[in-house]
PDB file of all heavy atoms in Angstrom:
ATOM      1  N   PHE A   1       6.469  27.557   3.597  1.00  0.00           N
ATOM      2  CA  PHE A   1       5.618  27.099   2.506  1.00  0.00           C
ATOM      3  C   PHE A   1       6.375  26.104   1.631  1.00  0.00           C
ATOM      4  O   PHE A   1       5.823  25.083   1.205  1.00  0.00           O
ATOM      5  CB  PHE A   1       5.156  28.294   1.663  1.00  0.00           C
ATOM      6  CG  PHE A   1       4.312  27.910   0.484  1.00  0.00           C
ATOM      7  CD1 PHE A   1       2.964  27.650   0.632  1.00  0.00           C
ATOM      8  CD2 PHE A   1       4.874  27.796  -0.776  1.00  0.00           C
ATOM      9  CE1 PHE A   1       2.178  27.280  -0.456  1.00  0.00           C
ATOM     10  CE2 PHE A   1       4.101  27.433  -1.871  1.00  0.00           C
ATOM     11  CZ  PHE A   1       2.748  27.174  -1.702  1.00  0.00           C
ATOM     12  N   ALA A   2       7.658  26.390   1.382  1.00  0.00           N
ATOM     13  CA  ALA A   2       8.478  25.481   0.577  1.00  0.00           C
ATOM     14  C   ALA A   2       8.670  24.147   1.290  1.00  0.00           C
ATOM     15  O   ALA A   2       8.625  23.082   0.653  1.00  0.00           O
ATOM     16  CB  ALA A   2       9.835  26.124   0.277  1.00  0.00           C
ATOM     17  N   ILE A   3       8.877  24.169   2.601  1.00  0.00           N
ATOM     18  CA  ILE A   3       9.019  22.925   3.370  1.00  0.00           C
ATOM     19  C   ILE A   3       7.732  22.108   3.284  1.00  0.00           C
ATOM     20  O   ILE A   3       7.755  20.885   3.091  1.00  0.00           O
ATOM     21  CB  ILE A   3       9.371  23.234   4.839  1.00  0.00           C
ATOM     22  CG1 ILE A   3      10.830  23.707   4.957  1.00  0.00           C
ATOM     23  CG2 ILE A   3       9.149  22.014   5.728  1.00  0.00           C
ATOM     24  CD1 ILE A   3      11.862  22.635   4.700  1.00  0.00           C
ATOM     25  N   MET A   4       6.575  22.788   3.412  1.00  0.00           N
ATOM     26  CA  MET A   4       5.298  22.086   3.298  1.00  0.00           C
ATOM     27  C   MET A   4       5.135  21.502   1.895  1.00  0.00           C
ATOM     28  O   MET A   4       4.706  20.358   1.730  1.00  0.00           O
ATOM     29  CB  MET A   4       4.146  23.038   3.591  1.00  0.00           C
ATOM     30  CG  MET A   4       2.771  22.384   3.475  1.00  0.00           C
ATOM     31  SD  MET A   4       1.443  23.559   3.216  1.00  0.00           S
ATOM     32  CE  MET A   4       1.828  24.165   1.588  1.00  0.00           C
ATOM     33  N   PHE A   5       5.497  22.281   0.899  1.00  0.00           N
ATOM     34  CA  PHE A   5       5.427  21.842  -0.492  1.00  0.00           C
ATOM     35  C   PHE A   5       6.244  20.566  -0.696  1.00  0.00           C
ATOM     36  O   PHE A   5       5.777  19.589  -1.287  1.00  0.00           O
ATOM     37  CB  PHE A   5       5.943  22.991  -1.364  1.00  0.00           C
ATOM     38  CG  PHE A   5       6.313  22.619  -2.770  1.00  0.00           C
ATOM     39  CD1 PHE A   5       5.342  22.389  -3.720  1.00  0.00           C
ATOM     40  CD2 PHE A   5       7.645  22.540  -3.153  1.00  0.00           C
ATOM     41  CE1 PHE A   5       5.689  22.075  -5.028  1.00  0.00           C
ATOM     42  CE2 PHE A   5       8.000  22.234  -4.448  1.00  0.00           C
ATOM     43  CZ  PHE A   5       7.015  21.994  -5.385  1.00  0.00           C
ATOM     44  N   GLU A   6       7.466  20.541  -0.166  1.00  0.00           N
ATOM     45  CA  GLU A   6       8.320  19.363  -0.314  1.00  0.00           C
ATOM     46  C   GLU A   6       7.746  18.169   0.444  1.00  0.00           C
ATOM     47  O   GLU A   6       7.706  17.042  -0.079  1.00  0.00           O
ATOM     48  CB  GLU A   6       9.722  19.672   0.199  1.00  0.00           C
ATOM     49  CG  GLU A   6      10.462  20.720  -0.592  1.00  0.00           C
ATOM     50  CD  GLU A   6      11.813  21.013   0.021  1.00  0.00           C
ATOM     51  OE1 GLU A   6      12.709  20.173  -0.110  1.00  0.00           O
ATOM     52  OE2 GLU A   6      11.977  22.071   0.638  1.00  0.00           O
ATOM     53  N   ALA A   7       7.333  18.406   1.689  1.00  0.00           N
ATOM     54  CA  ALA A   7       6.835  17.300   2.505  1.00  0.00           C
ATOM     55  C   ALA A   7       5.569  16.693   1.900  1.00  0.00           C
ATOM     56  O   ALA A   7       5.380  15.480   1.942  1.00  0.00           O
ATOM     57  CB  ALA A   7       6.568  17.776   3.935  1.00  0.00           C
ATOM     58  N   LEU A   8       4.702  17.526   1.307  1.00  0.00           N
ATOM     59  CA  LEU A   8       3.512  16.999   0.654  1.00  0.00           C
ATOM     60  C   LEU A   8       3.880  16.132  -0.542  1.00  0.00           C
ATOM     61  O   LEU A   8       3.274  15.088  -0.782  1.00  0.00           O
ATOM     62  CB  LEU A   8       2.601  18.146   0.199  1.00  0.00           C
ATOM     63  CG  LEU A   8       1.748  18.814   1.277  1.00  0.00           C
ATOM     64  CD1 LEU A   8       0.930  19.941   0.674  1.00  0.00           C
ATOM     65  CD2 LEU A   8       0.833  17.814   1.965  1.00  0.00           C
ATOM     66  N   PHE A   9       4.891  16.569  -1.289  1.00  0.00           N
ATOM     67  CA  PHE A   9       5.377  15.750  -2.395  1.00  0.00           C
ATOM     68  C   PHE A   9       5.733  14.361  -1.896  1.00  0.00           C
ATOM     69  O   PHE A   9       5.385  13.346  -2.503  1.00  0.00           O
ATOM     70  CB  PHE A   9       6.625  16.405  -2.997  1.00  0.00           C
ATOM     71  CG  PHE A   9       6.389  17.051  -4.323  1.00  0.00           C
ATOM     72  CD1 PHE A   9       5.862  18.319  -4.395  1.00  0.00           C
ATOM     73  CD2 PHE A   9       6.711  16.403  -5.493  1.00  0.00           C
ATOM     74  CE1 PHE A   9       5.651  18.934  -5.615  1.00  0.00           C
ATOM     75  CE2 PHE A   9       6.507  17.001  -6.722  1.00  0.00           C
ATOM     76  CZ  PHE A   9       5.975  18.272  -6.786  1.00  0.00           C
ATOM     77  N   ILE A  10       6.470  14.326  -0.804  1.00  0.00           N
ATOM     78  CA  ILE A  10       7.023  13.063  -0.324  1.00  0.00           C
ATOM     79  C   ILE A  10       5.948  12.206   0.344  1.00  0.00           C
ATOM     80  O   ILE A  10       5.860  10.998   0.107  1.00  0.00           O
ATOM     81  CB  ILE A  10       8.191  13.343   0.647  1.00  0.00           C
ATOM     82  CG1 ILE A  10       9.299  14.091  -0.100  1.00  0.00           C
ATOM     83  CG2 ILE A  10       8.724  12.047   1.236  1.00  0.00           C
ATOM     84  CD1 ILE A  10      10.321  14.747   0.813  1.00  0.00           C
ATOM     85  N   LEU A  11       5.102  12.828   1.179  1.00  0.00           N
ATOM     86  CA  LEU A  11       4.102  12.055   1.908  1.00  0.00           C
ATOM     87  C   LEU A  11       3.078  11.422   0.979  1.00  0.00           C
ATOM     88  O   LEU A  11       2.602  10.312   1.233  1.00  0.00           O
ATOM     89  CB  LEU A  11       3.396  12.944   2.934  1.00  0.00           C
ATOM     90  CG  LEU A  11       4.234  13.357   4.142  1.00  0.00           C
ATOM     91  CD1 LEU A  11       3.427  14.255   5.060  1.00  0.00           C
ATOM     92  CD2 LEU A  11       4.745  12.149   4.907  1.00  0.00           C
ATOM     93  N   THR A  12       2.728  12.121  -0.096  1.00  0.00           N
ATOM     94  CA  THR A  12       1.773  11.521  -1.026  1.00  0.00           C
ATOM     95  C   THR A  12       2.369  10.316  -1.741  1.00  0.00           C
ATOM     96  O   THR A  12       1.636   9.421  -2.173  1.00  0.00           O
ATOM     97  CB  THR A  12       1.308  12.553  -2.069  1.00  0.00           C
ATOM     98  OG1 THR A  12       2.446  13.210  -2.629  1.00  0.00           O
ATOM     99  CG2 THR A  12       0.394  13.581  -1.442  1.00  0.00           C
ATOM    100  N   THR A  13       3.684  10.275  -1.867  1.00  0.00           N
ATOM    101  CA  THR A  13       4.333   9.089  -2.425  1.00  0.00           C
ATOM    102  C   THR A  13       4.444   7.995  -1.371  1.00  0.00           C
ATOM    103  O   THR A  13       4.323   6.807  -1.683  1.00  0.00           O
ATOM    104  CB  THR A  13       5.726   9.438  -2.966  1.00  0.00           C
ATOM    105  OG1 THR A  13       5.612  10.583  -3.798  1.00  0.00           O
ATOM    106  CG2 THR A  13       6.303   8.294  -3.761  1.00  0.00           C
ATOM    107  N   ILE A  14       4.656   8.391  -0.135  1.00  0.00           N
ATOM    108  CA  ILE A  14       4.718   7.424   0.965  1.00  0.00           C
ATOM    109  C   ILE A  14       3.388   6.685   1.088  1.00  0.00           C
ATOM    110  O   ILE A  14       3.351   5.443   1.181  1.00  0.00           O
ATOM    111  CB  ILE A  14       5.062   8.126   2.294  1.00  0.00           C
ATOM    112  CG1 ILE A  14       6.508   8.643   2.290  1.00  0.00           C
ATOM    113  CG2 ILE A  14       4.825   7.181   3.474  1.00  0.00           C
ATOM    114  CD1 ILE A  14       7.553   7.591   2.431  1.00  0.00           C
ATOM    115  N   ASP A  15       2.269   7.444   1.090  1.00  0.00           N
ATOM    116  CA  ASP A  15       0.981   6.755   1.287  1.00  0.00           C
ATOM    117  C   ASP A  15       0.621   5.882   0.087  1.00  0.00           C
ATOM    118  O   ASP A  15       0.201   4.740   0.242  1.00  0.00           O
ATOM    119  CB  ASP A  15      -0.143   7.738   1.646  1.00  0.00           C
ATOM    120  CG  ASP A  15      -0.317   8.875   0.654  1.00  0.00           C
ATOM    121  OD1 ASP A  15       0.002   8.692  -0.530  1.00  0.00           O
ATOM    122  OD2 ASP A  15      -0.783   9.957   1.069  1.00  0.00           O
ATOM    123  N   ALA A  16       0.824   6.421  -1.127  1.00  0.00           N
ATOM    124  CA  ALA A  16       0.527   5.611  -2.309  1.00  0.00           C
ATOM    125  C   ALA A  16       1.479   4.427  -2.428  1.00  0.00           C
ATOM    126  O   ALA A  16       1.078   3.313  -2.776  1.00  0.00           O
ATOM    127  CB  ALA A  16       0.603   6.469  -3.571  1.00  0.00           C
ATOM    128  N   GLY A  17       2.755   4.655  -2.111  1.00  0.00           N
ATOM    129  CA  GLY A  17       3.748   3.582  -2.202  1.00  0.00           C
ATOM    130  C   GLY A  17       3.493   2.467  -1.213  1.00  0.00           C
ATOM    131  O   GLY A  17       3.630   1.281  -1.542  1.00  0.00           O
ATOM    132  N   THR A  18       3.118   2.826   0.009  1.00  0.00           N
ATOM    133  CA  THR A  18       2.810   1.804   1.009  1.00  0.00           C
ATOM    134  C   THR A  18       1.584   1.005   0.591  1.00  0.00           C
ATOM    135  O   THR A  18       1.527  -0.213   0.770  1.00  0.00           O
ATOM    136  CB  THR A  18       2.575   2.457   2.387  1.00  0.00           C
ATOM    137  OG1 THR A  18       3.715   3.248   2.743  1.00  0.00           O
ATOM    138  CG2 THR A  18       2.350   1.397   3.451  1.00  0.00           C
ATOM    139  N   ARG A  19       0.604   1.683   0.011  1.00  0.00           N
ATOM    140  CA  ARG A  19      -0.598   0.978  -0.463  1.00  0.00           C
ATOM    141  C   ARG A  19      -0.247   0.030  -1.608  1.00  0.00           C
ATOM    142  O   ARG A  19      -0.743  -1.099  -1.677  1.00  0.00           O
ATOM    143  CB  ARG A  19      -1.648   1.998  -0.911  1.00  0.00           C
ATOM    144  CG  ARG A  19      -3.033   1.409  -1.119  1.00  0.00           C
ATOM    145  CD  ARG A  19      -4.022   2.495  -1.499  1.00  0.00           C
ATOM    146  NE  ARG A  19      -5.392   1.991  -1.477  1.00  0.00           N
ATOM    147  CZ  ARG A  19      -6.183   1.976  -0.412  1.00  0.00           C
ATOM    148  NH1 ARG A  19      -5.722   2.435   0.746  1.00  0.00           N
ATOM    149  NH2 ARG A  19      -7.415   1.502  -0.468  1.00  0.00           N
ATOM    150  N   ILE A  20       0.616   0.493  -2.513  1.00  0.00           N
ATOM    151  CA  ILE A  20       1.048  -0.358  -3.622  1.00  0.00           C
ATOM    152  C   ILE A  20       1.805  -1.572  -3.092  1.00  0.00           C
ATOM    153  O   ILE A  20       1.610  -2.705  -3.541  1.00  0.00           O
ATOM    154  CB  ILE A  20       1.916   0.450  -4.603  1.00  0.00           C
ATOM    155  CG1 ILE A  20       1.049   1.477  -5.339  1.00  0.00           C
ATOM    156  CG2 ILE A  20       2.598  -0.472  -5.610  1.00  0.00           C
ATOM    157  CD1 ILE A  20       1.845   2.522  -6.068  1.00  0.00           C
ATOM    158  N   GLY A  21       2.687  -1.339  -2.127  1.00  0.00           N
ATOM    159  CA  GLY A  21       3.412  -2.446  -1.511  1.00  0.00           C
ATOM    160  C   GLY A  21       2.469  -3.435  -0.857  1.00  0.00           C
ATOM    161  O   GLY A  21       2.673  -4.657  -0.925  1.00  0.00           O
ATOM    162  N   ARG A  22       1.416  -2.910  -0.242  1.00  0.00           N
ATOM    163  CA  ARG A  22       0.394  -3.780   0.356  1.00  0.00           C
ATOM    164  C   ARG A  22      -0.269  -4.642  -0.708  1.00  0.00           C
ATOM    165  O   ARG A  22      -0.444  -5.854  -0.535  1.00  0.00           O
ATOM    166  CB  ARG A  22      -0.644  -2.909   1.054  1.00  0.00           C
ATOM    167  CG  ARG A  22      -1.867  -3.665   1.545  1.00  0.00           C
ATOM    168  CD  ARG A  22      -3.053  -2.725   1.696  1.00  0.00           C
ATOM    169  NE  ARG A  22      -4.265  -3.326   1.169  1.00  0.00           N
ATOM    170  CZ  ARG A  22      -5.408  -2.679   1.002  1.00  0.00           C
ATOM    171  NH1 ARG A  22      -5.493  -1.407   1.288  1.00  0.00           N
ATOM    172  NH2 ARG A  22      -6.453  -3.314   0.517  1.00  0.00           N
ATOM    173  N   PHE A  23      -0.645  -4.046  -1.856  1.00  0.00           N
ATOM    174  CA  PHE A  23      -1.252  -4.821  -2.943  1.00  0.00           C
ATOM    175  C   PHE A  23      -0.316  -5.928  -3.420  1.00  0.00           C
ATOM    176  O   PHE A  23      -0.727  -7.073  -3.639  1.00  0.00           O
ATOM    177  CB  PHE A  23      -1.589  -3.906  -4.123  1.00  0.00           C
ATOM    178  CG  PHE A  23      -2.764  -2.990  -3.887  1.00  0.00           C
ATOM    179  CD1 PHE A  23      -2.848  -1.769  -4.552  1.00  0.00           C
ATOM    180  CD2 PHE A  23      -3.775  -3.328  -3.012  1.00  0.00           C
ATOM    181  CE1 PHE A  23      -3.923  -0.916  -4.350  1.00  0.00           C
ATOM    182  CE2 PHE A  23      -4.854  -2.483  -2.792  1.00  0.00           C
ATOM    183  CZ  PHE A  23      -4.931  -1.279  -3.469  1.00  0.00           C
ATOM    184  N   LEU A  24       0.958  -5.567  -3.597  1.00  0.00           N
ATOM    185  CA  LEU A  24       1.935  -6.541  -4.099  1.00  0.00           C
ATOM    186  C   LEU A  24       2.097  -7.708  -3.135  1.00  0.00           C
ATOM    187  O   LEU A  24       2.132  -8.874  -3.540  1.00  0.00           O
ATOM    188  CB  LEU A  24       3.284  -5.851  -4.318  1.00  0.00           C
ATOM    189  CG  LEU A  24       3.364  -4.847  -5.470  1.00  0.00           C
ATOM    190  CD1 LEU A  24       4.664  -4.059  -5.390  1.00  0.00           C
ATOM    191  CD2 LEU A  24       3.269  -5.561  -6.805  1.00  0.00           C
ATOM    192  N   LEU A  25       2.210  -7.391  -1.850  1.00  0.00           N
ATOM    193  CA  LEU A  25       2.379  -8.447  -0.857  1.00  0.00           C
ATOM    194  C   LEU A  25       1.131  -9.323  -0.774  1.00  0.00           C
ATOM    195  O   LEU A  25       1.238 -10.549  -0.644  1.00  0.00           O
ATOM    196  CB  LEU A  25       2.711  -7.832   0.506  1.00  0.00           C
ATOM    197  CG  LEU A  25       3.054  -8.814   1.624  1.00  0.00           C
ATOM    198  CD1 LEU A  25       4.217  -9.727   1.222  1.00  0.00           C
ATOM    199  CD2 LEU A  25       3.390  -8.069   2.917  1.00  0.00           C
ATOM    200  N   GLN A  26      -0.033  -8.698  -0.857  1.00  0.00           N
ATOM    201  CA  GLN A  26      -1.264  -9.488  -0.810  1.00  0.00           C
ATOM    202  C   GLN A  26      -1.383 -10.400  -2.032  1.00  0.00           C
ATOM    203  O   GLN A  26      -1.837 -11.539  -1.908  1.00  0.00           O
ATOM    204  CB  GLN A  26      -2.483  -8.559  -0.723  1.00  0.00           C
ATOM    205  CG  GLN A  26      -2.689  -7.976   0.661  1.00  0.00           C
ATOM    206  CD  GLN A  26      -4.019  -7.255   0.783  1.00  0.00           C
ATOM    207  OE1 GLN A  26      -4.078  -6.030   0.765  1.00  0.00           O
ATOM    208  NE2 GLN A  26      -5.096  -8.006   0.921  1.00  0.00           N
ATOM    209  N   GLU A  27      -0.996  -9.897  -3.197  1.00  0.00           N
ATOM    210  CA  GLU A  27      -1.028 -10.750  -4.393  1.00  0.00           C
ATOM    211  C   GLU A  27      -0.103 -11.954  -4.227  1.00  0.00           C
ATOM    212  O   GLU A  27      -0.447 -13.079  -4.596  1.00  0.00           O
ATOM    213  CB  GLU A  27      -0.599  -9.941  -5.612  1.00  0.00           C
ATOM    214  CG  GLU A  27      -1.667  -9.004  -6.152  1.00  0.00           C
ATOM    215  CD  GLU A  27      -1.195  -8.236  -7.374  1.00  0.00           C
ATOM    216  OE1 GLU A  27      -0.036  -8.447  -7.792  1.00  0.00           O
ATOM    217  OE2 GLU A  27      -1.969  -7.427  -7.911  1.00  0.00           O
ATOM    218  N   THR A  28       1.080 -11.707  -3.652  1.00  0.00           N
ATOM    219  CA  THR A  28       2.048 -12.795  -3.462  1.00  0.00           C
ATOM    220  C   THR A  28       1.541 -13.805  -2.438  1.00  0.00           C
ATOM    221  O   THR A  28       1.582 -15.029  -2.665  1.00  0.00           O
ATOM    222  CB  THR A  28       3.402 -12.220  -3.003  1.00  0.00           C
ATOM    223  OG1 THR A  28       3.848 -11.252  -3.960  1.00  0.00           O
ATOM    224  CG2 THR A  28       4.445 -13.316  -2.888  1.00  0.00           C
ATOM    225  N   LEU A  29       1.042 -13.302  -1.285  1.00  0.00           N
ATOM    226  CA  LEU A  29       0.538 -14.200  -0.247  1.00  0.00           C
ATOM    227  C   LEU A  29      -0.741 -14.908  -0.687  1.00  0.00           C
ATOM    228  O   LEU A  29      -1.065 -15.987  -0.189  1.00  0.00           O
ATOM    229  CB  LEU A  29       0.279 -13.412   1.042  1.00  0.00           C
ATOM    230  CG  LEU A  29       1.517 -12.811   1.725  1.00  0.00           C
ATOM    231  CD1 LEU A  29       1.106 -11.986   2.935  1.00  0.00           C
ATOM    232  CD2 LEU A  29       2.494 -13.910   2.142  1.00  0.00           C
ATOM    233  N   GLY A  30      -1.474 -14.287  -1.629  1.00  0.00           N
ATOM    234  CA  GLY A  30      -2.702 -14.896  -2.121  1.00  0.00           C
ATOM    235  C   GLY A  30      -2.467 -16.220  -2.822  1.00  0.00           C
ATOM    236  O   GLY A  30      -3.391 -17.036  -2.939  1.00  0.00           O
ATOM    237  N   ARG A  31      -1.242 -16.438  -3.295  1.00  0.00           N
ATOM    238  CA  ARG A  31      -0.935 -17.722  -3.936  1.00  0.00           C
ATOM    239  C   ARG A  31      -0.802 -18.839  -2.903  1.00  0.00           C
ATOM    240  O   ARG A  31      -0.885 -20.018  -3.238  1.00  0.00           O
ATOM    241  CB  ARG A  31       0.366 -17.604  -4.738  1.00  0.00           C
ATOM    242  CG  ARG A  31       0.285 -16.600  -5.876  1.00  0.00           C
ATOM    243  CD  ARG A  31       1.535 -16.654  -6.750  1.00  0.00           C
ATOM    244  NE  ARG A  31       1.463 -15.671  -7.826  1.00  0.00           N
ATOM    245  CZ  ARG A  31       2.020 -14.472  -7.787  1.00  0.00           C
ATOM    246  NH1 ARG A  31       2.699 -14.114  -6.712  1.00  0.00           N
ATOM    247  NH2 ARG A  31       1.921 -13.637  -8.798  1.00  0.00           N
ATOM    248  N   VAL A  32      -0.562 -18.423  -1.638  1.00  0.00           N
ATOM    249  CA  VAL A  32      -0.447 -19.400  -0.551  1.00  0.00           C
ATOM    250  C   VAL A  32      -1.787 -19.571   0.164  1.00  0.00           C
ATOM    251  O   VAL A  32      -2.212 -20.682   0.481  1.00  0.00           O
ATOM    252  CB  VAL A  32       0.649 -18.960   0.449  1.00  0.00           C
ATOM    253  CG1 VAL A  32       0.758 -19.964   1.598  1.00  0.00           C
ATOM    254  CG2 VAL A  32       1.985 -18.798  -0.250  1.00  0.00           C
ATOM    255  N   TYR A  33      -2.455 -18.443   0.441  1.00  0.00           N
ATOM    256  CA  TYR A  33      -3.752 -18.462   1.121  1.00  0.00           C
ATOM    257  C   TYR A  33      -4.675 -17.500   0.382  1.00  0.00           C
ATOM    258  O   TYR A  33      -4.470 -16.286   0.392  1.00  0.00           O
ATOM    259  CB  TYR A  33      -3.579 -18.051   2.582  1.00  0.00           C
ATOM    260  CG  TYR A  33      -4.856 -18.093   3.396  1.00  0.00           C
ATOM    261  CD1 TYR A  33      -5.578 -19.282   3.544  1.00  0.00           C
ATOM    262  CD2 TYR A  33      -5.326 -16.941   4.027  1.00  0.00           C
ATOM    263  CE1 TYR A  33      -6.743 -19.312   4.290  1.00  0.00           C
ATOM    264  CE2 TYR A  33      -6.491 -16.966   4.786  1.00  0.00           C
ATOM    265  CZ  TYR A  33      -7.202 -18.160   4.901  1.00  0.00           C
ATOM    266  OH  TYR A  33      -8.363 -18.197   5.639  1.00  0.00           O
ATOM    267  N   ALA A  34      -5.671 -18.011  -0.295  1.00  0.00           N
ATOM    268  CA  ALA A  34      -6.474 -17.258  -1.268  1.00  0.00           C
ATOM    269  C   ALA A  34      -7.045 -15.939  -0.744  1.00  0.00           C
ATOM    270  O   ALA A  34      -7.028 -14.936  -1.471  1.00  0.00           O
ATOM    271  CB  ALA A  34      -7.596 -18.149  -1.798  1.00  0.00           C
ATOM    272  N   PRO A  35      -7.591 -15.874   0.495  1.00  0.00           N
ATOM    273  CA  PRO A  35      -8.177 -14.594   0.949  1.00  0.00           C
ATOM    274  C   PRO A  35      -7.201 -13.416   0.911  1.00  0.00           C
ATOM    275  O   PRO A  35      -7.625 -12.271   0.745  1.00  0.00           O
ATOM    276  CB  PRO A  35      -8.614 -14.908   2.383  1.00  0.00           C
ATOM    277  CG  PRO A  35      -8.891 -16.372   2.374  1.00  0.00           C
ATOM    278  CD  PRO A  35      -7.857 -16.960   1.459  1.00  0.00           C
ATOM    279  N   PHE A  36      -5.883 -13.683   1.074  1.00  0.00           N
ATOM    280  CA  PHE A  36      -4.913 -12.593   1.012  1.00  0.00           C
ATOM    281  C   PHE A  36      -4.951 -11.896  -0.344  1.00  0.00           C
ATOM    282  O   PHE A  36      -4.622 -10.712  -0.456  1.00  0.00           O
ATOM    283  CB  PHE A  36      -3.495 -13.113   1.267  1.00  0.00           C
ATOM    284  CG  PHE A  36      -3.108 -13.143   2.714  1.00  0.00           C
ATOM    285  CD1 PHE A  36      -2.910 -14.342   3.364  1.00  0.00           C
ATOM    286  CD2 PHE A  36      -2.946 -11.967   3.425  1.00  0.00           C
ATOM    287  CE1 PHE A  36      -2.557 -14.385   4.703  1.00  0.00           C
ATOM    288  CE2 PHE A  36      -2.588 -11.991   4.766  1.00  0.00           C
ATOM    289  CZ  PHE A  36      -2.396 -13.207   5.408  1.00  0.00           C
ATOM    290  N   GLY A  37      -5.309 -12.610  -1.377  1.00  0.00           N
ATOM    291  CA  GLY A  37      -5.320 -12.035  -2.717  1.00  0.00           C
ATOM    292  C   GLY A  37      -6.437 -11.039  -2.947  1.00  0.00           C
ATOM    293  O   GLY A  37      -6.437 -10.344  -3.965  1.00  0.00           O
ATOM    294  N   ARG A  38      -7.408 -10.951  -1.994  1.00  0.00           N
ATOM    295  CA  ARG A  38      -8.502  -9.988  -2.136  1.00  0.00           C
ATOM    296  C   ARG A  38      -8.100  -8.675  -1.478  1.00  0.00           C
ATOM    297  O   ARG A  38      -7.889  -8.619  -0.258  1.00  0.00           O
ATOM    298  CB  ARG A  38      -9.780 -10.518  -1.475  1.00  0.00           C
ATOM    299  CG  ARG A  38     -10.291 -11.830  -2.035  1.00  0.00           C
ATOM    300  CD  ARG A  38     -11.794 -11.973  -1.776  1.00  0.00           C
ATOM    301  NE  ARG A  38     -12.177 -11.541  -0.443  1.00  0.00           N
ATOM    302  CZ  ARG A  38     -12.345 -12.350   0.600  1.00  0.00           C
ATOM    303  NH1 ARG A  38     -12.134 -13.660   0.478  1.00  0.00           N
ATOM    304  NH2 ARG A  38     -12.721 -11.863   1.765  1.00  0.00           N
ATOM    305  N   PRO A  39      -7.992  -7.575  -2.246  1.00  0.00           N
ATOM    306  CA  PRO A  39      -7.572  -6.297  -1.660  1.00  0.00           C
ATOM    307  C   PRO A  39      -8.519  -5.775  -0.592  1.00  0.00           C
ATOM    308  O   PRO A  39      -8.107  -4.983   0.258  1.00  0.00           O
ATOM    309  CB  PRO A  39      -7.539  -5.342  -2.869  1.00  0.00           C
ATOM    310  CG  PRO A  39      -7.416  -6.230  -4.058  1.00  0.00           C
ATOM    311  CD  PRO A  39      -8.150  -7.476  -3.711  1.00  0.00           C
ATOM    312  N   ASP A  40      -9.793  -6.208  -0.613  1.00  0.00           N
ATOM    313  CA  ASP A  40     -10.769  -5.697   0.351  1.00  0.00           C
ATOM    314  C   ASP A  40     -10.866  -6.559   1.609  1.00  0.00           C
ATOM    315  O   ASP A  40     -11.726  -6.313   2.460  1.00  0.00           O
ATOM    316  CB  ASP A  40     -12.148  -5.569  -0.298  1.00  0.00           C
ATOM    317  CG  ASP A  40     -12.642  -6.896  -0.866  1.00  0.00           C
ATOM    318  OD1 ASP A  40     -11.830  -7.847  -0.950  1.00  0.00           O
ATOM    319  OD2 ASP A  40     -13.837  -6.986  -1.227  1.00  0.00           O
ATOM    320  N   TRP A  41      -9.996  -7.589   1.756  1.00  0.00           N
ATOM    321  CA  TRP A  41     -10.010  -8.427   2.964  1.00  0.00           C
ATOM    322  C   TRP A  41      -9.229  -7.704   4.052  1.00  0.00           C
ATOM    323  O   TRP A  41      -8.007  -7.552   3.958  1.00  0.00           O
ATOM    324  CB  TRP A  41      -9.410  -9.792   2.667  1.00  0.00           C
ATOM    325  CG  TRP A  41      -9.599 -10.782   3.783  1.00  0.00           C
ATOM    326  CD1 TRP A  41     -10.750 -11.093   4.425  1.00  0.00           C
ATOM    327  CD2 TRP A  41      -8.571 -11.586   4.392  1.00  0.00           C
ATOM    328  NE1 TRP A  41     -10.526 -12.048   5.394  1.00  0.00           N
ATOM    329  CE2 TRP A  41      -9.191 -12.371   5.391  1.00  0.00           C
ATOM    330  CE3 TRP A  41      -7.199 -11.726   4.175  1.00  0.00           C
ATOM    331  CZ2 TRP A  41      -8.478 -13.264   6.185  1.00  0.00           C
ATOM    332  CZ3 TRP A  41      -6.489 -12.626   4.962  1.00  0.00           C
ATOM    333  CH2 TRP A  41      -7.123 -13.385   5.951  1.00  0.00           C
ATOM    334  N   LEU A  42      -9.905  -7.230   5.106  1.00  0.00           N
ATOM    335  CA  LEU A  42      -9.303  -6.345   6.105  1.00  0.00           C
ATOM    336  C   LEU A  42      -8.115  -6.966   6.838  1.00  0.00           C
ATOM    337  O   LEU A  42      -7.074  -6.311   6.983  1.00  0.00           O
ATOM    338  CB  LEU A  42     -10.370  -5.879   7.102  1.00  0.00           C
ATOM    339  CG  LEU A  42      -9.896  -4.819   8.112  1.00  0.00           C
ATOM    340  CD1 LEU A  42      -9.412  -3.569   7.390  1.00  0.00           C
ATOM    341  CD2 LEU A  42     -11.038  -4.468   9.083  1.00  0.00           C
ATOM    342  N   PRO A  43      -8.202  -8.219   7.345  1.00  0.00           N
ATOM    343  CA  PRO A  43      -7.023  -8.787   8.029  1.00  0.00           C
ATOM    344  C   PRO A  43      -5.785  -8.818   7.132  1.00  0.00           C
ATOM    345  O   PRO A  43      -4.671  -8.522   7.579  1.00  0.00           O
ATOM    346  CB  PRO A  43      -7.487 -10.200   8.405  1.00  0.00           C
ATOM    347  CG  PRO A  43      -8.963 -10.105   8.490  1.00  0.00           C
ATOM    348  CD  PRO A  43      -9.361  -9.128   7.423  1.00  0.00           C
ATOM    349  N   GLY A  44      -5.986  -9.173   5.853  1.00  0.00           N
ATOM    350  CA  GLY A  44      -4.853  -9.182   4.927  1.00  0.00           C
ATOM    351  C   GLY A  44      -4.303  -7.793   4.695  1.00  0.00           C
ATOM    352  O   GLY A  44      -3.088  -7.593   4.613  1.00  0.00           O
ATOM    353  N   SER A  45      -5.194  -6.798   4.587  1.00  0.00           N
ATOM    354  CA  SER A  45      -4.761  -5.416   4.390  1.00  0.00           C
ATOM    355  C   SER A  45      -3.932  -4.929   5.566  1.00  0.00           C
ATOM    356  O   SER A  45      -2.886  -4.284   5.394  1.00  0.00           O
ATOM    357  CB  SER A  45      -5.981  -4.500   4.202  1.00  0.00           C
ATOM    358  OG  SER A  45      -6.754  -4.900   3.103  1.00  0.00           O
TER     359      SER A  45
END
């Protein structure tokens, strides 16, 4: 149970962190190619 507790702590940061990193990269690339700046553009995501 403790191992699951720890892993859940970490995985929820992994998924949120990767999503945040995706937003940041899309914002940066959006200055070069505008569609990248839209978070709902699937190829950019």
